[in-house]
Amino acid sequence: AGRRMPGAWTGHDLGGIIAACRANQVAVMAIRIFGAGVIATD
């Protein structure tokens, strides 16, 4: 959502969303920062 991803990367591409928020002064509330807990813990 916040950067261009390289070609090898796999995932749901949300490209352009944060740039659109910045251009329109829309607040960005980052969610799933822990990936539903998967990133934070086993």
PDB file of all heavy atoms in Angstrom:
ATOM      1  N   ALA A   1       0.825  -1.215   0.000  1.00  0.00           N
ATOM      2  CA  ALA A   1       0.000   0.000   0.000  1.00  0.00           C
ATOM      3  C   ALA A   1       0.851   1.253   0.000  1.00  0.00           C
ATOM      4  O   ALA A   1       0.407   2.313  -0.429  1.00  0.00           O
ATOM      5  CB  ALA A   1      -0.940   0.002   1.206  1.00  0.00           C
ATOM      6  N   GLY A   2       2.103   1.127   0.479  1.00  0.00           N
ATOM      7  CA  GLY A   2       2.934   2.304   0.622  1.00  0.00           C
ATOM      8  C   GLY A   2       4.167   2.359  -0.254  1.00  0.00           C
ATOM      9  O   GLY A   2       4.943   3.311  -0.154  1.00  0.00           O
ATOM     10  N   ARG A   3       4.357   1.342  -1.120  1.00  0.00           N
ATOM     11  CA  ARG A   3       5.557   1.346  -1.960  1.00  0.00           C
ATOM     12  C   ARG A   3       5.372   0.403  -3.142  1.00  0.00           C
ATOM     13  O   ARG A   3       4.503  -0.470  -3.121  1.00  0.00           O
ATOM     14  CB  ARG A   3       6.782   0.907  -1.159  1.00  0.00           C
ATOM     15  CG  ARG A   3       6.596  -0.435  -0.470  1.00  0.00           C
ATOM     16  CD  ARG A   3       7.916  -1.049  -0.043  1.00  0.00           C
ATOM     17  NE  ARG A   3       8.696  -1.492  -1.189  1.00  0.00           N
ATOM     18  CZ  ARG A   3       9.960  -1.891  -1.118  1.00  0.00           C
ATOM     19  NH1 ARG A   3      10.586  -1.867   0.039  1.00  0.00           N
ATOM     20  NH2 ARG A   3      10.592  -2.295  -2.201  1.00  0.00           N
ATOM     21  N   ARG A   4       6.204   0.576  -4.152  1.00  0.00           N
ATOM     22  CA  ARG A   4       6.179  -0.327  -5.293  1.00  0.00           C
ATOM     23  C   ARG A   4       6.937  -1.598  -4.924  1.00  0.00           C
ATOM     24  O   ARG A   4       8.074  -1.537  -4.461  1.00  0.00           O
ATOM     25  CB  ARG A   4       6.835   0.339  -6.510  1.00  0.00           C
ATOM     26  CG  ARG A   4       6.758  -0.480  -7.787  1.00  0.00           C
ATOM     27  CD  ARG A   4       7.387   0.290  -8.951  1.00  0.00           C
ATOM     28  NE  ARG A   4       7.313  -0.469 -10.183  1.00  0.00           N
ATOM     29  CZ  ARG A   4       6.265  -0.475 -10.997  1.00  0.00           C
ATOM     30  NH1 ARG A   4       5.208   0.258 -10.698  1.00  0.00           N
ATOM     31  NH2 ARG A   4       6.272  -1.188 -12.104  1.00  0.00           N
ATOM     32  N   MET A   5       6.325  -2.758  -5.133  1.00  0.00           N
ATOM     33  CA  MET A   5       6.948  -4.020  -4.779  1.00  0.00           C
ATOM     34  C   MET A   5       7.658  -4.626  -5.988  1.00  0.00           C
ATOM     35  O   MET A   5       7.194  -4.485  -7.126  1.00  0.00           O
ATOM     36  CB  MET A   5       5.903  -4.991  -4.243  1.00  0.00           C
ATOM     37  CG  MET A   5       5.142  -4.480  -3.018  1.00  0.00           C
ATOM     38  SD  MET A   5       6.204  -4.006  -1.633  1.00  0.00           S
ATOM     39  CE  MET A   5       6.839  -5.609  -1.138  1.00  0.00           C
ATOM     40  N   PRO A   6       8.784  -5.327  -5.760  1.00  0.00           N
ATOM     41  CA  PRO A   6       9.509  -5.951  -6.878  1.00  0.00           C
ATOM     42  C   PRO A   6       8.723  -7.100  -7.489  1.00  0.00           C
ATOM     43  O   PRO A   6       7.793  -7.646  -6.866  1.00  0.00           O
ATOM     44  CB  PRO A   6      10.795  -6.445  -6.218  1.00  0.00           C
ATOM     45  CG  PRO A   6      10.465  -6.584  -4.769  1.00  0.00           C
ATOM     46  CD  PRO A   6       9.458  -5.529  -4.471  1.00  0.00           C
ATOM     47  N   GLY A   7       9.103  -7.502  -8.693  1.00  0.00           N
ATOM     48  CA  GLY A   7       8.356  -8.505  -9.430  1.00  0.00           C
ATOM     49  C   GLY A   7       8.282  -9.858  -8.758  1.00  0.00           C
ATOM     50  O   GLY A   7       7.292 -10.576  -8.911  1.00  0.00           O
ATOM     51  N   ALA A   8       9.294 -10.241  -7.991  1.00  0.00           N
ATOM     52  CA  ALA A   8       9.307 -11.563  -7.362  1.00  0.00           C
ATOM     53  C   ALA A   8       8.368 -11.664  -6.165  1.00  0.00           C
ATOM     54  O   ALA A   8       7.943 -12.760  -5.803  1.00  0.00           O
ATOM     55  CB  ALA A   8      10.734 -11.916  -6.920  1.00  0.00           C
ATOM     56  N   TRP A   9       8.055 -10.524  -5.565  1.00  0.00           N
ATOM     57  CA  TRP A   9       7.220 -10.524  -4.355  1.00  0.00           C
ATOM     58  C   TRP A   9       5.822 -11.027  -4.669  1.00  0.00           C
ATOM     59  O   TRP A   9       5.249 -10.709  -5.723  1.00  0.00           O
ATOM     60  CB  TRP A   9       7.153  -9.107  -3.778  1.00  0.00           C
ATOM     61  CG  TRP A   9       6.235  -8.972  -2.599  1.00  0.00           C
ATOM     62  CD1 TRP A   9       6.529  -9.227  -1.291  1.00  0.00           C
ATOM     63  CD2 TRP A   9       4.868  -8.538  -2.612  1.00  0.00           C
ATOM     64  NE1 TRP A   9       5.441  -8.987  -0.500  1.00  0.00           N
ATOM     65  CE2 TRP A   9       4.402  -8.568  -1.279  1.00  0.00           C
ATOM     66  CE3 TRP A   9       3.993  -8.135  -3.634  1.00  0.00           C
ATOM     67  CZ2 TRP A   9       3.099  -8.197  -0.938  1.00  0.00           C
ATOM     68  CZ3 TRP A   9       2.700  -7.775  -3.299  1.00  0.00           C
ATOM     69  CH2 TRP A   9       2.255  -7.812  -1.962  1.00  0.00           C
ATOM     70  N   THR A  10       5.252 -11.818  -3.768  1.00  0.00           N
ATOM     71  CA  THR A  10       3.882 -12.303  -3.936  1.00  0.00           C
ATOM     72  C   THR A  10       3.018 -11.807  -2.794  1.00  0.00           C
ATOM     73  O   THR A  10       3.469 -11.687  -1.651  1.00  0.00           O
ATOM     74  CB  THR A  10       3.836 -13.835  -3.978  1.00  0.00           C
ATOM     75  OG1 THR A  10       4.426 -14.365  -2.772  1.00  0.00           O
ATOM     76  CG2 THR A  10       4.566 -14.383  -5.191  1.00  0.00           C
ATOM     77  N   GLY A  11       1.762 -11.542  -3.109  1.00  0.00           N
ATOM     78  CA  GLY A  11       0.817 -11.056  -2.108  1.00  0.00           C
ATOM     79  C   GLY A  11      -0.258 -10.227  -2.783  1.00  0.00           C
ATOM     80  O   GLY A  11      -0.245 -10.021  -4.000  1.00  0.00           O
ATOM     81  N   HIS A  12      -1.182  -9.749  -1.993  1.00  0.00           N
ATOM     82  CA  HIS A  12      -2.270  -8.909  -2.478  1.00  0.00           C
ATOM     83  C   HIS A  12      -1.718  -7.500  -2.681  1.00  0.00           C
ATOM     84  O   HIS A  12      -1.368  -6.825  -1.713  1.00  0.00           O
ATOM     85  CB  HIS A  12      -3.395  -8.912  -1.448  1.00  0.00           C
ATOM     86  CG  HIS A  12      -4.621  -8.178  -1.877  1.00  0.00           C
ATOM     87  ND1 HIS A  12      -5.845  -8.381  -1.280  1.00  0.00           N
ATOM     88  CD2 HIS A  12      -4.845  -7.242  -2.827  1.00  0.00           C
ATOM     89  CE1 HIS A  12      -6.747  -7.599  -1.843  1.00  0.00           C
ATOM     90  NE2 HIS A  12      -6.149  -6.894  -2.782  1.00  0.00           N
ATOM     91  N   ASP A  13      -1.648  -7.059  -3.925  1.00  0.00           N
ATOM     92  CA  ASP A  13      -1.047  -5.763  -4.233  1.00  0.00           C
ATOM     93  C   ASP A  13      -2.040  -4.639  -3.959  1.00  0.00           C
ATOM     94  O   ASP A  13      -3.059  -4.506  -4.646  1.00  0.00           O
ATOM     95  CB  ASP A  13      -0.586  -5.731  -5.692  1.00  0.00           C
ATOM     96  CG  ASP A  13       0.295  -4.518  -5.997  1.00  0.00           C
ATOM     97  OD1 ASP A  13       0.376  -3.623  -5.137  1.00  0.00           O
ATOM     98  OD2 ASP A  13       0.887  -4.474  -7.084  1.00  0.00           O
ATOM     99  N   LEU A  14      -1.723  -3.833  -2.963  1.00  0.00           N
ATOM    100  CA  LEU A  14      -2.553  -2.689  -2.577  1.00  0.00           C
ATOM    101  C   LEU A  14      -1.887  -1.383  -2.996  1.00  0.00           C
ATOM    102  O   LEU A  14      -2.117  -0.332  -2.406  1.00  0.00           O
ATOM    103  CB  LEU A  14      -2.795  -2.721  -1.067  1.00  0.00           C
ATOM    104  CG  LEU A  14      -3.577  -3.943  -0.575  1.00  0.00           C
ATOM    105  CD1 LEU A  14      -3.458  -4.086   0.939  1.00  0.00           C
ATOM    106  CD2 LEU A  14      -5.042  -3.853  -0.978  1.00  0.00           C
ATOM    107  N   GLY A  15      -1.105  -1.467  -4.063  1.00  0.00           N
ATOM    108  CA  GLY A  15      -0.306  -0.337  -4.514  1.00  0.00           C
ATOM    109  C   GLY A  15      -1.106   0.919  -4.807  1.00  0.00           C
ATOM    110  O   GLY A  15      -2.178   0.859  -5.415  1.00  0.00           O
ATOM    111  N   GLY A  16      -0.597   2.039  -4.338  1.00  0.00           N
ATOM    112  CA  GLY A  16      -1.188   3.345  -4.618  1.00  0.00           C
ATOM    113  C   GLY A  16      -2.084   3.887  -3.533  1.00  0.00           C
ATOM    114  O   GLY A  16      -2.434   5.065  -3.547  1.00  0.00           O
ATOM    115  N   ILE A  17      -2.456   3.056  -2.557  1.00  0.00           N
ATOM    116  CA  ILE A  17      -3.449   3.497  -1.570  1.00  0.00           C
ATOM    117  C   ILE A  17      -2.895   4.593  -0.657  1.00  0.00           C
ATOM    118  O   ILE A  17      -3.540   5.628  -0.437  1.00  0.00           O
ATOM    119  CB  ILE A  17      -3.975   2.301  -0.761  1.00  0.00           C
ATOM    120  CG1 ILE A  17      -4.844   1.414  -1.665  1.00  0.00           C
ATOM    121  CG2 ILE A  17      -4.766   2.768   0.451  1.00  0.00           C
ATOM    122  CD1 ILE A  17      -5.370   0.158  -1.005  1.00  0.00           C
ATOM    123  N   ILE A  18      -1.703   4.394  -0.130  1.00  0.00           N
ATOM    124  CA  ILE A  18      -1.159   5.408   0.770  1.00  0.00           C
ATOM    125  C   ILE A  18      -0.818   6.683   0.009  1.00  0.00           C
ATOM    126  O   ILE A  18      -1.011   7.802   0.517  1.00  0.00           O
ATOM    127  CB  ILE A  18       0.039   4.856   1.569  1.00  0.00           C
ATOM    128  CG1 ILE A  18      -0.469   3.827   2.597  1.00  0.00           C
ATOM    129  CG2 ILE A  18       0.810   5.978   2.266  1.00  0.00           C
ATOM    130  CD1 ILE A  18       0.611   3.211   3.464  1.00  0.00           C
ATOM    131  N   ALA A  19      -0.344   6.545  -1.230  1.00  0.00           N
ATOM    132  CA  ALA A  19      -0.079   7.741  -2.053  1.00  0.00           C
ATOM    133  C   ALA A  19      -1.367   8.525  -2.286  1.00  0.00           C
ATOM    134  O   ALA A  19      -1.368   9.765  -2.249  1.00  0.00           O
ATOM    135  CB  ALA A  19       0.544   7.332  -3.382  1.00  0.00           C
ATOM    136  N   ALA A  20      -2.473   7.818  -2.516  1.00  0.00           N
ATOM    137  CA  ALA A  20      -3.760   8.492  -2.705  1.00  0.00           C
ATOM    138  C   ALA A  20      -4.182   9.204  -1.426  1.00  0.00           C
ATOM    139  O   ALA A  20      -4.716  10.326  -1.472  1.00  0.00           O
ATOM    140  CB  ALA A  20      -4.820   7.484  -3.133  1.00  0.00           C
ATOM    141  N   CYS A  21      -3.939   8.568  -0.288  1.00  0.00           N
ATOM    142  CA  CYS A  21      -4.266   9.207   0.994  1.00  0.00           C
ATOM    143  C   CYS A  21      -3.444  10.471   1.186  1.00  0.00           C
ATOM    144  O   CYS A  21      -3.974  11.519   1.593  1.00  0.00           O
ATOM    145  CB  CYS A  21      -4.016   8.236   2.142  1.00  0.00           C
ATOM    146  SG  CYS A  21      -5.206   6.879   2.265  1.00  0.00           S
ATOM    147  N   ARG A  22      -2.170  10.391   0.868  1.00  0.00           N
ATOM    148  CA  ARG A  22      -1.297  11.560   1.022  1.00  0.00           C
ATOM    149  C   ARG A  22      -1.758  12.700   0.120  1.00  0.00           C
ATOM    150  O   ARG A  22      -1.838  13.859   0.544  1.00  0.00           O
ATOM    151  CB  ARG A  22       0.141  11.160   0.697  1.00  0.00           C
ATOM    152  CG  ARG A  22       1.136  12.317   0.834  1.00  0.00           C
ATOM    153  CD  ARG A  22       2.577  11.858   0.600  1.00  0.00           C
ATOM    154  NE  ARG A  22       2.779  11.345  -0.756  1.00  0.00           N
ATOM    155  CZ  ARG A  22       3.036  10.079  -1.056  1.00  0.00           C
ATOM    156  NH1 ARG A  22       3.120   9.155  -0.115  1.00  0.00           N
ATOM    157  NH2 ARG A  22       3.216   9.710  -2.315  1.00  0.00           N
ATOM    158  N   ALA A  23      -2.096  12.373  -1.126  1.00  0.00           N
ATOM    159  CA  ALA A  23      -2.501  13.403  -2.089  1.00  0.00           C
ATOM    160  C   ALA A  23      -3.806  14.077  -1.698  1.00  0.00           C
ATOM    161  O   ALA A  23      -4.040  15.243  -2.035  1.00  0.00           O
ATOM    162  CB  ALA A  23      -2.631  12.780  -3.479  1.00  0.00           C
ATOM    163  N   ASN A  24      -4.652  13.350  -0.976  1.00  0.00           N
ATOM    164  CA  ASN A  24      -5.971  13.883  -0.626  1.00  0.00           C
ATOM    165  C   ASN A  24      -6.116  14.207   0.852  1.00  0.00           C
ATOM    166  O   ASN A  24      -7.224  14.468   1.326  1.00  0.00           O
ATOM    167  CB  ASN A  24      -7.046  12.882  -1.049  1.00  0.00           C
ATOM    168  CG  ASN A  24      -7.138  12.742  -2.554  1.00  0.00           C
ATOM    169  OD1 ASN A  24      -7.700  13.587  -3.233  1.00  0.00           O
ATOM    170  ND2 ASN A  24      -6.550  11.670  -3.096  1.00  0.00           N
ATOM    171  N   GLN A  25      -4.988  14.205   1.576  1.00  0.00           N
ATOM    172  CA  GLN A  25      -4.959  14.524   3.010  1.00  0.00           C
ATOM    173  C   GLN A  25      -5.923  13.643   3.808  1.00  0.00           C
ATOM    174  O   GLN A  25      -6.634  14.105   4.702  1.00  0.00           O
ATOM    175  CB  GLN A  25      -5.275  15.996   3.250  1.00  0.00           C
ATOM    176  CG  GLN A  25      -4.219  16.942   2.709  1.00  0.00           C
ATOM    177  CD  GLN A  25      -4.530  18.386   3.057  1.00  0.00           C
ATOM    178  OE1 GLN A  25      -5.474  18.985   2.520  1.00  0.00           O
ATOM    179  NE2 GLN A  25      -3.759  18.954   3.948  1.00  0.00           N
ATOM    180  N   VAL A  26      -5.932  12.364   3.457  1.00  0.00           N
ATOM    181  CA  VAL A  26      -6.733  11.371   4.159  1.00  0.00           C
ATOM    182  C   VAL A  26      -5.847  10.660   5.176  1.00  0.00           C
ATOM    183  O   VAL A  26      -4.756  10.198   4.833  1.00  0.00           O
ATOM    184  CB  VAL A  26      -7.340  10.361   3.159  1.00  0.00           C
ATOM    185  CG1 VAL A  26      -7.991   9.185   3.881  1.00  0.00           C
ATOM    186  CG2 VAL A  26      -8.356  11.064   2.264  1.00  0.00           C
ATOM    187  N   ALA A  27      -6.282  10.596   6.402  1.00  0.00           N
ATOM    188  CA  ALA A  27      -5.499   9.955   7.458  1.00  0.00           C
ATOM    189  C   ALA A  27      -5.331   8.466   7.179  1.00  0.00           C
ATOM    190  O   ALA A  27      -6.282   7.793   6.772  1.00  0.00           O
ATOM    191  CB  ALA A  27      -6.171  10.152   8.806  1.00  0.00           C
ATOM    192  N   VAL A  28      -4.125   7.955   7.404  1.00  0.00           N
ATOM    193  CA  VAL A  28      -3.830   6.530   7.227  1.00  0.00           C
ATOM    194  C   VAL A  28      -3.768   5.860   8.596  1.00  0.00           C
ATOM    195  O   VAL A  28      -2.880   6.145   9.402  1.00  0.00           O
ATOM    196  CB  VAL A  28      -2.490   6.329   6.495  1.00  0.00           C
ATOM    197  CG1 VAL A  28      -2.119   4.842   6.441  1.00  0.00           C
ATOM    198  CG2 VAL A  28      -2.556   6.916   5.091  1.00  0.00           C
ATOM    199  N   MET A  29      -4.730   4.984   8.853  1.00  0.00           N
ATOM    200  CA  MET A  29      -4.734   4.173  10.069  1.00  0.00           C
ATOM    201  C   MET A  29      -4.223   2.788   9.667  1.00  0.00           C
ATOM    202  O   MET A  29      -4.946   2.022   9.023  1.00  0.00           O
ATOM    203  CB  MET A  29      -6.135   4.092  10.655  1.00  0.00           C
ATOM    204  CG  MET A  29      -6.764   5.446  10.948  1.00  0.00           C
ATOM    205  SD  MET A  29      -8.498   5.349  11.484  1.00  0.00           S
ATOM    206  CE  MET A  29      -8.282   4.788  13.187  1.00  0.00           C
ATOM    207  N   ALA A  30      -2.979   2.482   9.992  1.00  0.00           N
ATOM    208  CA  ALA A  30      -2.395   1.206   9.585  1.00  0.00           C
ATOM    209  C   ALA A  30      -2.990   0.067  10.403  1.00  0.00           C
ATOM    210  O   ALA A  30      -2.988   0.105  11.636  1.00  0.00           O
ATOM    211  CB  ALA A  30      -0.885   1.240   9.755  1.00  0.00           C
ATOM    212  N   ILE A  31      -3.508  -0.955   9.710  1.00  0.00           N
ATOM    213  CA  ILE A  31      -4.106  -2.105  10.382  1.00  0.00           C
ATOM    214  C   ILE A  31      -3.372  -3.384   9.992  1.00  0.00           C
ATOM    215  O   ILE A  31      -2.619  -3.416   9.035  1.00  0.00           O
ATOM    216  CB  ILE A  31      -5.607  -2.245  10.068  1.00  0.00           C
ATOM    217  CG1 ILE A  31      -5.838  -2.455   8.561  1.00  0.00           C
ATOM    218  CG2 ILE A  31      -6.383  -1.049  10.589  1.00  0.00           C
ATOM    219  CD1 ILE A  31      -7.273  -2.822   8.205  1.00  0.00           C
ATOM    220  N   ARG A  32      -3.623  -4.422  10.774  1.00  0.00           N
ATOM    221  CA  ARG A  32      -2.993  -5.724  10.586  1.00  0.00           C
ATOM    222  C   ARG A  32      -1.471  -5.613  10.594  1.00  0.00           C
ATOM    223  O   ARG A  32      -0.784  -6.309   9.853  1.00  0.00           O
ATOM    224  CB  ARG A  32      -3.499  -6.394   9.306  1.00  0.00           C
ATOM    225  CG  ARG A  32      -4.968  -6.851   9.397  1.00  0.00           C
ATOM    226  CD  ARG A  32      -5.128  -7.909  10.486  1.00  0.00           C
ATOM    227  NE  ARG A  32      -6.500  -8.361  10.637  1.00  0.00           N
ATOM    228  CZ  ARG A  32      -6.940  -9.575  10.293  1.00  0.00           C
ATOM    229  NH1 ARG A  32      -6.103 -10.468   9.776  1.00  0.00           N
ATOM    230  NH2 ARG A  32      -8.197  -9.913  10.486  1.00  0.00           N
ATOM    231  N   ILE A  33      -0.958  -4.758  11.440  1.00  0.00           N
ATOM    232  CA  ILE A  33       0.486  -4.559  11.477  1.00  0.00           C
ATOM    233  C   ILE A  33       1.203  -5.792  12.023  1.00  0.00           C
ATOM    234  O   ILE A  33       2.400  -5.986  11.748  1.00  0.00           O
ATOM    235  CB  ILE A  33       0.864  -3.301  12.274  1.00  0.00           C
ATOM    236  CG1 ILE A  33       0.575  -3.474  13.761  1.00  0.00           C
ATOM    237  CG2 ILE A  33       0.147  -2.080  11.734  1.00  0.00           C
ATOM    238  CD1 ILE A  33       1.157  -2.350  14.600  1.00  0.00           C
ATOM    239  N   PHE A  34       0.488  -6.637  12.770  1.00  0.00           N
ATOM    240  CA  PHE A  34       1.055  -7.886  13.264  1.00  0.00           C
ATOM    241  C   PHE A  34       0.599  -9.090  12.435  1.00  0.00           C
ATOM    242  O   PHE A  34       0.856 -10.231  12.800  1.00  0.00           O
ATOM    243  CB  PHE A  34       0.670  -8.122  14.718  1.00  0.00           C
ATOM    244  CG  PHE A  34       1.115  -7.039  15.666  1.00  0.00           C
ATOM    245  CD1 PHE A  34       0.251  -6.550  16.630  1.00  0.00           C
ATOM    246  CD2 PHE A  34       2.395  -6.498  15.594  1.00  0.00           C
ATOM    247  CE1 PHE A  34       0.647  -5.554  17.504  1.00  0.00           C
ATOM    248  CE2 PHE A  34       2.800  -5.494  16.466  1.00  0.00           C
ATOM    249  CZ  PHE A  34       1.926  -5.022  17.437  1.00  0.00           C
ATOM    250  N   GLY A  35      -0.101  -8.836  11.318  1.00  0.00           N
ATOM    251  CA  GLY A  35      -0.577  -9.934  10.483  1.00  0.00           C
ATOM    252  C   GLY A  35      -1.463 -10.901  11.238  1.00  0.00           C
ATOM    253  O   GLY A  35      -1.293 -12.125  11.134  1.00  0.00           O
ATOM    254  N   ALA A  36      -2.421 -10.358  12.004  1.00  0.00           N
ATOM    255  CA  ALA A  36      -3.324 -11.176  12.844  1.00  0.00           C
ATOM    256  C   ALA A  36      -2.548 -11.963  13.889  1.00  0.00           C
ATOM    257  O   ALA A  36      -3.006 -12.995  14.366  1.00  0.00           O
ATOM    258  CB  ALA A  36      -4.178 -12.107  12.000  1.00  0.00           C
ATOM    259  N   GLY A  37      -1.376 -11.467  14.266  1.00  0.00           N
ATOM    260  CA  GLY A  37      -0.569 -12.105  15.301  1.00  0.00           C
ATOM    261  C   GLY A  37       0.539 -12.984  14.769  1.00  0.00           C
ATOM    262  O   GLY A  37       1.459 -13.339  15.511  1.00  0.00           O
ATOM    263  N   VAL A  38       0.465 -13.352  13.498  1.00  0.00           N
ATOM    264  CA  VAL A  38       1.450 -14.280  12.927  1.00  0.00           C
ATOM    265  C   VAL A  38       2.856 -13.676  12.947  1.00  0.00           C
ATOM    266  O   VAL A  38       3.838 -14.370  13.230  1.00  0.00           O
ATOM    267  CB  VAL A  38       1.049 -14.676  11.491  1.00  0.00           C
ATOM    268  CG1 VAL A  38       2.146 -15.488  10.824  1.00  0.00           C
ATOM    269  CG2 VAL A  38      -0.254 -15.467  11.512  1.00  0.00           C
ATOM    270  N   ILE A  39       2.966 -12.393  12.663  1.00  0.00           N
ATOM    271  CA  ILE A  39       4.274 -11.741  12.673  1.00  0.00           C
ATOM    272  C   ILE A  39       4.809 -11.631  14.095  1.00  0.00           C
ATOM    273  O   ILE A  39       6.007 -11.812  14.345  1.00  0.00           O
ATOM    274  CB  ILE A  39       4.191 -10.337  12.032  1.00  0.00           C
ATOM    275  CG1 ILE A  39       3.750 -10.438  10.567  1.00  0.00           C
ATOM    276  CG2 ILE A  39       5.526  -9.612  12.133  1.00  0.00           C
ATOM    277  CD1 ILE A  39       3.447  -9.091   9.928  1.00  0.00           C
ATOM    278  N   ALA A  40       3.924 -11.365  15.047  1.00  0.00           N
ATOM    279  CA  ALA A  40       4.346 -11.053  16.412  1.00  0.00           C
ATOM    280  C   ALA A  40       4.781 -12.269  17.220  1.00  0.00           C
ATOM    281  O   ALA A  40       5.643 -12.162  18.094  1.00  0.00           O
ATOM    282  CB  ALA A  40       3.223 -10.319  17.138  1.00  0.00           C
ATOM    283  N   THR A  41       4.200 -13.432  16.951  1.00  0.00           N
ATOM    284  CA  THR A  41       4.449 -14.589  17.811  1.00  0.00           C
ATOM    285  C   THR A  41       4.146 -15.886  17.084  1.00  0.00           C
ATOM    286  O   THR A  41       3.362 -15.900  16.123  1.00  0.00           O
ATOM    287  CB  THR A  41       3.579 -14.505  19.089  1.00  0.00           C
ATOM    288  OG1 THR A  41       3.793 -15.664  19.896  1.00  0.00           O
ATOM    289  CG2 THR A  41       2.099 -14.400  18.751  1.00  0.00           C
ATOM    290  N   ASP A  42       4.739 -16.979  17.570  1.00  0.00           N
ATOM    291  CA  ASP A  42       4.414 -18.309  17.053  1.00  0.00           C
ATOM    292  C   ASP A  42       3.240 -18.931  17.798  1.00  0.00           C
ATOM    293  O   ASP A  42       2.760 -20.004  17.435  1.00  0.00           O
ATOM    294  CB  ASP A  42       5.630 -19.242  17.168  1.00  0.00           C
ATOM    295  CG  ASP A  42       6.727 -18.875  16.170  1.00  0.00           C
ATOM    296  OD1 ASP A  42       6.387 -18.353  15.088  1.00  0.00           O
ATOM    297  OD2 ASP A  42       7.909 -19.106  16.476  1.00  0.00           O
TER     298      ASP A  42
END
